[in-house]
Amino acid sequence: MASTGSETILRRQLRDLSRNGVPGVSAGLVADNIYEWEVMLIGPEDTLYEGGFFKARLSFPTEYPLLPPKMSFETPMWHPNVYPDGNVCISILHPPGEDKFGYEDAGERWLPVHSVESILLSVLAMLSAPNSDSPANIEAARELRDDYPAFKKRVRRLARQSAEAM
């Protein structure tokens, strides 16, 4: 059976990621399904997430790379840009085109030139610099702004628990 264009692209991106790697990230297929990836991110150094092991899933549409994947943390995550259910909310994972609410330029949203590597680098950057201006998790954003010591304590506890679960 011939593979589709999206399958070919995803296989190449998985091979490239395995060969070249992104520091602090590993990825593999879920049940040999090229459209479902399991990702492990190690919390970046010099961040509140440092030392944590955060499991996530990337789910790719068959229209990839024309449409973005969805990324969701399976490890508990407290972050303004991660919905309470674990779904990641960053600009490059938003559908291509104009934002109907006017918060993002089209160039900030998904473009077919993005790759799994650029997504993972963006998520690591998100962990390094939470954005509380347009939050997915309103409570985490409020706590980050209004009670940073409590935010820091909660994130450090989650990072420690994720490391202990390994």
N, C-alpha and C. Protein backbone atom coordinates (compact mmCIF):
# COMPACT_ATOMS: atom_id res chain seq x y z
N MET A 1 0.85 -1.19 0.00
CA MET A 1 0.00 0.00 0.00
C MET A 1 0.89 1.25 0.00
N ALA A 2 0.61 2.16 -0.88
CA ALA A 2 1.40 3.39 -0.97
C ALA A 2 1.05 4.31 0.19
N SER A 3 2.06 4.99 0.69
CA SER A 3 1.78 5.91 1.78
C SER A 3 1.39 7.27 1.22
N THR A 4 0.63 7.99 2.00
CA THR A 4 0.18 9.31 1.58
C THR A 4 1.32 10.31 1.77
N GLY A 5 1.16 11.50 1.22
CA GLY A 5 2.16 12.54 1.38
C GLY A 5 2.39 12.89 2.83
N SER A 6 1.31 12.95 3.63
CA SER A 6 1.48 13.29 5.04
C SER A 6 2.24 12.20 5.77
N GLU A 7 1.99 10.94 5.43
CA GLU A 7 2.73 9.84 6.06
C GLU A 7 4.22 9.94 5.74
N THR A 8 4.53 10.23 4.49
CA THR A 8 5.93 10.35 4.07
C THR A 8 6.63 11.48 4.83
N ILE A 9 5.96 12.61 4.93
CA ILE A 9 6.53 13.76 5.65
C ILE A 9 6.73 13.42 7.12
N LEU A 10 5.73 12.81 7.74
CA LEU A 10 5.84 12.47 9.17
C LEU A 10 6.94 11.44 9.41
N ARG A 11 7.08 10.46 8.53
CA ARG A 11 8.15 9.47 8.70
C ARG A 11 9.53 10.14 8.60
N ARG A 12 9.65 11.07 7.65
CA ARG A 12 10.92 11.79 7.50
C ARG A 12 11.20 12.65 8.73
N GLN A 13 10.17 13.33 9.24
CA GLN A 13 10.37 14.19 10.41
C GLN A 13 10.69 13.36 11.66
N LEU A 14 10.09 12.18 11.80
CA LEU A 14 10.41 11.31 12.92
C LEU A 14 11.86 10.82 12.80
N ARG A 15 12.26 10.42 11.60
CA ARG A 15 13.64 9.97 11.38
C ARG A 15 14.62 11.10 11.68
N ASP A 16 14.33 12.31 11.19
CA ASP A 16 15.22 13.45 11.44
C ASP A 16 15.30 13.77 12.93
N LEU A 17 14.17 13.71 13.61
CA LEU A 17 14.14 13.99 15.05
C LEU A 17 14.95 12.93 15.80
N SER A 18 14.85 11.68 15.37
CA SER A 18 15.61 10.61 16.02
C SER A 18 17.11 10.77 15.79
N ARG A 19 17.49 11.21 14.59
CA ARG A 19 18.91 11.37 14.26
C ARG A 19 19.52 12.62 14.88
N ASN A 20 18.86 13.74 14.68
CA ASN A 20 19.43 15.03 15.10
C ASN A 20 18.98 15.42 16.49
N GLY A 21 17.76 15.09 16.82
CA GLY A 21 17.22 15.35 18.14
C GLY A 21 17.03 16.81 18.49
N VAL A 22 16.17 17.02 19.44
CA VAL A 22 15.97 18.30 20.09
C VAL A 22 16.36 18.04 21.54
N PRO A 23 17.33 18.77 22.08
CA PRO A 23 17.76 18.51 23.46
C PRO A 23 16.57 18.53 24.42
N GLY A 24 16.50 17.48 25.25
CA GLY A 24 15.44 17.40 26.23
C GLY A 24 14.14 16.82 25.71
N VAL A 25 14.16 16.23 24.50
CA VAL A 25 12.93 15.72 23.90
C VAL A 25 13.19 14.35 23.30
N SER A 26 12.25 13.44 23.49
CA SER A 26 12.26 12.18 22.75
C SER A 26 10.84 11.95 22.23
N ALA A 27 10.74 11.21 21.13
CA ALA A 27 9.44 10.98 20.51
C ALA A 27 9.41 9.61 19.86
N GLY A 28 8.23 9.05 19.81
CA GLY A 28 8.02 7.77 19.15
C GLY A 28 6.56 7.62 18.81
N LEU A 29 6.27 6.63 18.00
CA LEU A 29 4.89 6.40 17.56
C LEU A 29 4.09 5.67 18.64
N VAL A 30 2.81 5.92 18.66
CA VAL A 30 1.89 5.20 19.52
C VAL A 30 1.31 4.06 18.67
N ALA A 31 1.57 2.83 19.07
CA ALA A 31 1.03 1.65 18.39
C ALA A 31 1.30 1.66 16.88
N ASP A 32 2.51 2.07 16.49
CA ASP A 32 2.90 2.12 15.07
C ASP A 32 1.99 2.97 14.20
N ASN A 33 1.30 3.94 14.81
CA ASN A 33 0.42 4.84 14.07
C ASN A 33 1.19 6.13 13.79
N ILE A 34 1.50 6.38 12.53
CA ILE A 34 2.30 7.56 12.16
C ILE A 34 1.60 8.86 12.54
N TYR A 35 0.29 8.83 12.74
CA TYR A 35 -0.46 10.04 13.07
C TYR A 35 -0.58 10.29 14.58
N GLU A 36 -0.07 9.37 15.40
CA GLU A 36 -0.11 9.53 16.86
C GLU A 36 1.30 9.34 17.41
N TRP A 37 1.84 10.39 18.02
CA TRP A 37 3.18 10.34 18.59
C TRP A 37 3.12 10.56 20.08
N GLU A 38 3.95 9.80 20.78
CA GLU A 38 4.15 10.04 22.21
C GLU A 38 5.45 10.82 22.34
N VAL A 39 5.41 11.88 23.14
CA VAL A 39 6.56 12.76 23.29
C VAL A 39 6.89 12.86 24.78
N MET A 40 8.18 12.86 25.08
CA MET A 40 8.63 13.10 26.44
C MET A 40 9.50 14.35 26.43
N LEU A 41 9.11 15.33 27.22
CA LEU A 41 9.88 16.57 27.33
C LEU A 41 10.48 16.66 28.73
N ILE A 42 11.74 16.96 28.79
CA ILE A 42 12.39 17.22 30.07
C ILE A 42 12.31 18.72 30.30
N GLY A 43 11.84 19.11 31.48
CA GLY A 43 11.71 20.54 31.78
C GLY A 43 13.03 21.27 31.54
N PRO A 44 12.98 22.37 30.79
CA PRO A 44 14.21 23.11 30.45
C PRO A 44 14.94 23.63 31.68
N GLU A 45 16.28 23.62 31.59
CA GLU A 45 17.10 24.16 32.68
C GLU A 45 16.76 25.62 32.94
N ASP A 46 16.94 26.02 34.17
CA ASP A 46 16.72 27.40 34.60
C ASP A 46 15.28 27.86 34.41
N THR A 47 14.34 26.90 34.47
CA THR A 47 12.91 27.23 34.46
C THR A 47 12.27 26.55 35.66
N LEU A 48 11.05 26.92 35.97
CA LEU A 48 10.33 26.26 37.05
C LEU A 48 10.08 24.78 36.75
N TYR A 49 10.08 24.43 35.46
CA TYR A 49 9.79 23.06 35.03
C TYR A 49 11.04 22.18 34.99
N GLU A 50 12.20 22.75 35.34
CA GLU A 50 13.48 22.03 35.28
C GLU A 50 13.40 20.73 36.07
N GLY A 51 13.90 19.66 35.45
CA GLY A 51 13.95 18.37 36.11
C GLY A 51 12.69 17.55 35.99
N GLY A 52 11.63 18.15 35.47
CA GLY A 52 10.38 17.40 35.28
C GLY A 52 10.42 16.56 34.02
N PHE A 53 9.65 15.49 34.01
CA PHE A 53 9.49 14.64 32.83
C PHE A 53 8.03 14.69 32.44
N PHE A 54 7.76 15.36 31.32
CA PHE A 54 6.39 15.64 30.92
C PHE A 54 6.03 14.87 29.65
N LYS A 55 5.09 13.95 29.82
CA LYS A 55 4.64 13.13 28.71
C LYS A 55 3.51 13.87 27.98
N ALA A 56 3.60 13.84 26.66
CA ALA A 56 2.58 14.51 25.84
C ALA A 56 2.29 13.65 24.62
N ARG A 57 1.24 14.03 23.93
CA ARG A 57 0.86 13.33 22.70
C ARG A 57 0.66 14.36 21.60
N LEU A 58 1.19 14.03 20.44
CA LEU A 58 0.94 14.81 19.22
C LEU A 58 0.02 13.99 18.34
N SER A 59 -1.10 14.57 17.96
CA SER A 59 -2.07 13.92 17.08
C SER A 59 -2.14 14.71 15.78
N PHE A 60 -1.75 14.05 14.69
CA PHE A 60 -1.66 14.72 13.40
C PHE A 60 -2.88 14.43 12.55
N PRO A 61 -3.40 15.47 11.87
CA PRO A 61 -4.48 15.22 10.92
C PRO A 61 -3.92 14.62 9.63
N THR A 62 -4.75 13.95 8.87
CA THR A 62 -4.27 13.38 7.60
C THR A 62 -3.91 14.49 6.62
N GLU A 63 -4.36 15.73 6.88
CA GLU A 63 -4.03 16.87 6.02
C GLU A 63 -2.69 17.52 6.39
N TYR A 64 -1.98 16.96 7.38
CA TYR A 64 -0.67 17.49 7.74
C TYR A 64 0.25 17.44 6.52
N PRO A 65 1.03 18.45 6.22
CA PRO A 65 1.34 19.65 6.99
C PRO A 65 0.46 20.87 6.66
N LEU A 66 -0.61 20.67 5.92
CA LEU A 66 -1.48 21.82 5.62
C LEU A 66 -2.22 22.29 6.87
N LEU A 67 -2.51 21.36 7.77
CA LEU A 67 -3.16 21.67 9.04
C LEU A 67 -2.27 21.22 10.18
N PRO A 68 -2.34 21.91 11.32
CA PRO A 68 -1.44 21.59 12.44
C PRO A 68 -1.91 20.36 13.22
N PRO A 69 -0.98 19.76 13.95
CA PRO A 69 -1.38 18.70 14.89
C PRO A 69 -1.96 19.34 16.14
N LYS A 70 -2.50 18.49 16.99
CA LYS A 70 -2.90 18.90 18.33
C LYS A 70 -1.90 18.29 19.29
N MET A 71 -1.55 19.05 20.31
CA MET A 71 -0.63 18.54 21.32
C MET A 71 -1.30 18.62 22.67
N SER A 72 -1.17 17.54 23.43
CA SER A 72 -1.81 17.50 24.74
C SER A 72 -0.86 16.83 25.73
N PHE A 73 -0.69 17.46 26.88
CA PHE A 73 0.11 16.87 27.95
C PHE A 73 -0.71 15.78 28.64
N GLU A 74 -0.08 14.64 28.87
CA GLU A 74 -0.70 13.57 29.63
C GLU A 74 -0.26 13.65 31.10
N THR A 75 0.92 14.21 31.32
CA THR A 75 1.40 14.47 32.67
C THR A 75 0.70 15.74 33.17
N PRO A 76 0.26 15.77 34.41
CA PRO A 76 -0.37 17.00 34.92
C PRO A 76 0.53 18.22 34.69
N MET A 77 -0.07 19.30 34.22
CA MET A 77 0.68 20.50 33.85
C MET A 77 -0.06 21.72 34.37
N TRP A 78 0.67 22.63 34.99
CA TRP A 78 0.11 23.91 35.46
C TRP A 78 0.85 25.00 34.72
N HIS A 79 0.17 25.58 33.73
CA HIS A 79 0.80 26.56 32.85
C HIS A 79 -0.30 27.40 32.19
N PRO A 80 -0.10 28.71 32.07
CA PRO A 80 -1.14 29.56 31.47
C PRO A 80 -1.50 29.18 30.04
N ASN A 81 -0.59 28.53 29.32
CA ASN A 81 -0.83 28.23 27.92
C ASN A 81 -1.18 26.76 27.67
N VAL A 82 -1.58 26.09 28.75
CA VAL A 82 -2.04 24.70 28.66
C VAL A 82 -3.40 24.63 29.32
N TYR A 83 -4.41 24.22 28.55
CA TYR A 83 -5.76 24.09 29.10
C TYR A 83 -5.76 23.10 30.26
N PRO A 84 -6.71 23.21 31.17
CA PRO A 84 -6.78 22.26 32.28
C PRO A 84 -6.82 20.79 31.84
N ASP A 85 -7.34 20.51 30.63
CA ASP A 85 -7.37 19.13 30.13
C ASP A 85 -6.06 18.69 29.49
N GLY A 86 -5.04 19.58 29.49
CA GLY A 86 -3.73 19.23 28.95
C GLY A 86 -3.45 19.72 27.54
N ASN A 87 -4.45 20.20 26.84
CA ASN A 87 -4.23 20.68 25.47
C ASN A 87 -3.38 21.93 25.46
N VAL A 88 -2.40 21.94 24.56
CA VAL A 88 -1.46 23.06 24.44
C VAL A 88 -2.07 24.14 23.55
N CYS A 89 -1.93 25.38 23.98
CA CYS A 89 -2.45 26.52 23.23
C CYS A 89 -1.30 27.48 22.93
N ILE A 90 -0.68 27.28 21.77
CA ILE A 90 0.34 28.21 21.29
C ILE A 90 0.01 28.55 19.85
N SER A 91 0.45 29.70 19.42
CA SER A 91 0.06 30.23 18.12
C SER A 91 0.33 29.29 16.97
N ILE A 92 1.50 28.64 16.94
CA ILE A 92 1.81 27.84 15.76
C ILE A 92 0.96 26.57 15.67
N LEU A 93 0.22 26.23 16.72
CA LEU A 93 -0.70 25.10 16.65
C LEU A 93 -2.13 25.52 16.31
N HIS A 94 -2.33 26.82 16.09
CA HIS A 94 -3.65 27.30 15.70
C HIS A 94 -3.80 27.18 14.19
N PRO A 95 -5.00 26.89 13.71
CA PRO A 95 -5.21 26.70 12.26
C PRO A 95 -4.68 27.89 11.45
N PRO A 96 -4.27 27.63 10.22
CA PRO A 96 -3.73 28.71 9.39
C PRO A 96 -4.78 29.76 9.07
N GLY A 97 -4.30 30.92 8.69
CA GLY A 97 -5.20 32.01 8.28
C GLY A 97 -5.35 33.06 9.35
N GLU A 98 -6.27 33.95 9.10
CA GLU A 98 -6.51 35.07 10.01
C GLU A 98 -7.24 34.59 11.27
N ASP A 99 -6.88 35.19 12.39
CA ASP A 99 -7.54 34.93 13.67
C ASP A 99 -8.81 35.75 13.71
N LYS A 100 -9.96 35.07 13.83
CA LYS A 100 -11.24 35.79 13.83
C LYS A 100 -11.38 36.74 15.01
N PHE A 101 -10.58 36.55 16.06
CA PHE A 101 -10.64 37.44 17.22
C PHE A 101 -9.60 38.55 17.16
N GLY A 102 -8.68 38.47 16.20
CA GLY A 102 -7.70 39.52 16.01
C GLY A 102 -6.52 39.51 16.97
N TYR A 103 -6.31 38.40 17.69
CA TYR A 103 -5.20 38.33 18.64
C TYR A 103 -3.87 37.99 17.97
N GLU A 104 -3.95 37.26 16.85
CA GLU A 104 -2.73 36.78 16.20
C GLU A 104 -2.72 37.18 14.73
N ASP A 105 -1.53 37.47 14.23
CA ASP A 105 -1.37 37.65 12.80
C ASP A 105 -1.32 36.28 12.15
N ALA A 106 -1.69 36.21 10.90
CA ALA A 106 -1.67 34.93 10.18
C ALA A 106 -0.28 34.31 10.22
N GLY A 107 0.77 35.12 10.19
CA GLY A 107 2.13 34.61 10.21
C GLY A 107 2.55 33.97 11.52
N GLU A 108 1.79 34.22 12.59
CA GLU A 108 2.08 33.61 13.89
C GLU A 108 1.43 32.24 14.03
N ARG A 109 0.46 31.98 13.17
CA ARG A 109 -0.31 30.74 13.26
C ARG A 109 0.35 29.64 12.42
N TRP A 110 -0.28 28.51 12.34
CA TRP A 110 0.29 27.37 11.62
C TRP A 110 0.59 27.72 10.17
N LEU A 111 1.76 27.33 9.75
CA LEU A 111 2.18 27.42 8.35
C LEU A 111 2.76 26.05 7.98
N PRO A 112 2.57 25.58 6.77
CA PRO A 112 3.08 24.26 6.38
C PRO A 112 4.60 24.12 6.48
N VAL A 113 5.32 25.22 6.61
CA VAL A 113 6.78 25.12 6.77
C VAL A 113 7.17 24.65 8.17
N HIS A 114 6.24 24.71 9.12
CA HIS A 114 6.54 24.22 10.46
C HIS A 114 6.72 22.71 10.42
N SER A 115 7.47 22.23 11.40
CA SER A 115 7.74 20.80 11.49
C SER A 115 7.54 20.37 12.94
N VAL A 116 7.65 19.08 13.16
CA VAL A 116 7.58 18.58 14.53
C VAL A 116 8.67 19.25 15.37
N GLU A 117 9.85 19.40 14.79
CA GLU A 117 10.94 20.04 15.52
C GLU A 117 10.58 21.47 15.93
N SER A 118 10.00 22.25 15.02
CA SER A 118 9.65 23.63 15.37
C SER A 118 8.54 23.67 16.42
N ILE A 119 7.63 22.69 16.38
CA ILE A 119 6.58 22.62 17.40
C ILE A 119 7.21 22.35 18.77
N LEU A 120 8.08 21.36 18.82
CA LEU A 120 8.68 20.99 20.10
C LEU A 120 9.55 22.11 20.66
N LEU A 121 10.28 22.79 19.79
CA LEU A 121 11.07 23.93 20.25
C LEU A 121 10.17 25.04 20.78
N SER A 122 9.02 25.25 20.14
CA SER A 122 8.07 26.26 20.60
C SER A 122 7.47 25.88 21.96
N VAL A 123 7.21 24.60 22.16
CA VAL A 123 6.66 24.16 23.45
C VAL A 123 7.71 24.31 24.55
N LEU A 124 8.96 23.99 24.25
CA LEU A 124 10.02 24.22 25.24
C LEU A 124 10.16 25.70 25.56
N ALA A 125 10.04 26.56 24.55
CA ALA A 125 10.08 28.00 24.78
C ALA A 125 8.88 28.45 25.62
N MET A 126 7.73 27.84 25.38
CA MET A 126 6.53 28.15 26.16
C MET A 126 6.76 27.82 27.64
N LEU A 127 7.42 26.68 27.90
CA LEU A 127 7.70 26.32 29.28
C LEU A 127 8.68 27.31 29.91
N SER A 128 9.58 27.83 29.11
CA SER A 128 10.57 28.79 29.60
C SER A 128 9.98 30.17 29.85
N ALA A 129 8.96 30.54 29.09
CA ALA A 129 8.40 31.89 29.19
C ALA A 129 6.87 31.83 29.06
N PRO A 130 6.18 31.49 30.15
CA PRO A 130 4.71 31.45 30.10
C PRO A 130 4.13 32.81 29.70
N ASN A 131 3.07 32.77 28.88
CA ASN A 131 2.41 33.99 28.43
C ASN A 131 1.03 34.05 29.09
N SER A 132 0.87 34.99 29.99
CA SER A 132 -0.41 35.11 30.70
C SER A 132 -1.34 36.13 30.05
N ASP A 133 -0.96 36.68 28.89
CA ASP A 133 -1.78 37.71 28.24
C ASP A 133 -3.04 37.14 27.58
N SER A 134 -2.94 35.96 26.98
CA SER A 134 -4.13 35.33 26.39
C SER A 134 -4.13 33.86 26.83
N PRO A 135 -4.50 33.63 28.09
CA PRO A 135 -4.32 32.31 28.67
C PRO A 135 -5.33 31.26 28.24
N ALA A 136 -4.88 30.02 28.21
CA ALA A 136 -5.75 28.87 28.03
C ALA A 136 -6.24 28.42 29.41
N ASN A 137 -5.38 28.56 30.41
CA ASN A 137 -5.73 28.23 31.78
C ASN A 137 -5.75 29.54 32.57
N ILE A 138 -6.94 30.06 32.74
CA ILE A 138 -7.11 31.37 33.37
C ILE A 138 -6.62 31.36 34.82
N GLU A 139 -6.86 30.28 35.54
CA GLU A 139 -6.43 30.20 36.94
C GLU A 139 -4.90 30.20 37.05
N ALA A 140 -4.23 29.46 36.16
CA ALA A 140 -2.77 29.44 36.18
C ALA A 140 -2.22 30.83 35.84
N ALA A 141 -2.83 31.50 34.87
CA ALA A 141 -2.39 32.85 34.50
C ALA A 141 -2.59 33.83 35.66
N ARG A 142 -3.73 33.74 36.32
CA ARG A 142 -4.01 34.61 37.46
C ARG A 142 -3.00 34.37 38.57
N GLU A 143 -2.73 33.10 38.85
CA GLU A 143 -1.78 32.78 39.91
C GLU A 143 -0.37 33.25 39.55
N LEU A 144 0.03 33.08 38.28
CA LEU A 144 1.34 33.55 37.82
C LEU A 144 1.48 35.05 38.06
N ARG A 145 0.43 35.81 37.71
CA ARG A 145 0.47 37.27 37.84
C ARG A 145 0.33 37.74 39.29
N ASP A 146 -0.62 37.13 40.02
CA ASP A 146 -1.02 37.67 41.32
C ASP A 146 -0.35 37.01 42.53
N ASP A 147 0.13 35.78 42.35
CA ASP A 147 0.72 35.06 43.48
C ASP A 147 1.84 34.16 42.96
N TYR A 148 2.90 34.80 42.46
CA TYR A 148 4.00 34.05 41.86
C TYR A 148 4.58 32.99 42.80
N PRO A 149 4.76 33.25 44.09
CA PRO A 149 5.28 32.19 44.96
C PRO A 149 4.41 30.93 44.96
N ALA A 150 3.09 31.08 44.95
CA ALA A 150 2.19 29.92 44.91
C ALA A 150 2.30 29.21 43.56
N PHE A 151 2.37 29.99 42.47
CA PHE A 151 2.54 29.41 41.13
C PHE A 151 3.83 28.59 41.09
N LYS A 152 4.91 29.19 41.56
CA LYS A 152 6.22 28.53 41.55
C LYS A 152 6.18 27.23 42.37
N LYS A 153 5.57 27.28 43.54
CA LYS A 153 5.50 26.10 44.41
C LYS A 153 4.71 24.98 43.72
N ARG A 154 3.60 25.32 43.08
CA ARG A 154 2.77 24.32 42.42
C ARG A 154 3.51 23.68 41.25
N VAL A 155 4.16 24.51 40.42
CA VAL A 155 4.89 23.99 39.26
C VAL A 155 6.06 23.12 39.70
N ARG A 156 6.81 23.57 40.69
CA ARG A 156 7.95 22.77 41.18
C ARG A 156 7.48 21.43 41.73
N ARG A 157 6.34 21.43 42.43
CA ARG A 157 5.79 20.18 42.97
C ARG A 157 5.40 19.23 41.83
N LEU A 158 4.75 19.76 40.79
CA LEU A 158 4.38 18.92 39.63
C LEU A 158 5.61 18.38 38.92
N ALA A 159 6.65 19.21 38.78
CA ALA A 159 7.89 18.75 38.14
C ALA A 159 8.53 17.63 38.98
N ARG A 160 8.55 17.80 40.27
CA ARG A 160 9.13 16.78 41.15
C ARG A 160 8.31 15.48 41.07
N GLN A 161 6.99 15.59 41.10
CA GLN A 161 6.14 14.40 41.02
C GLN A 161 6.31 13.69 39.68
N SER A 162 6.48 14.46 38.61
CA SER A 162 6.65 13.83 37.29
C SER A 162 7.98 13.06 37.22
N ALA A 163 9.00 13.57 37.88
CA ALA A 163 10.30 12.90 37.90
C ALA A 163 10.22 11.63 38.75
N GLU A 164 9.50 11.70 39.86
CA GLU A 164 9.36 10.54 40.74
C GLU A 164 8.54 9.42 40.08
N ALA A 165 7.65 9.80 39.18
CA ALA A 165 6.80 8.81 38.50
C ALA A 165 7.56 8.04 37.42
N MET A 166 8.74 8.52 37.08
CA MET A 166 9.50 7.86 36.02
C MET A 166 10.04 6.54 36.45
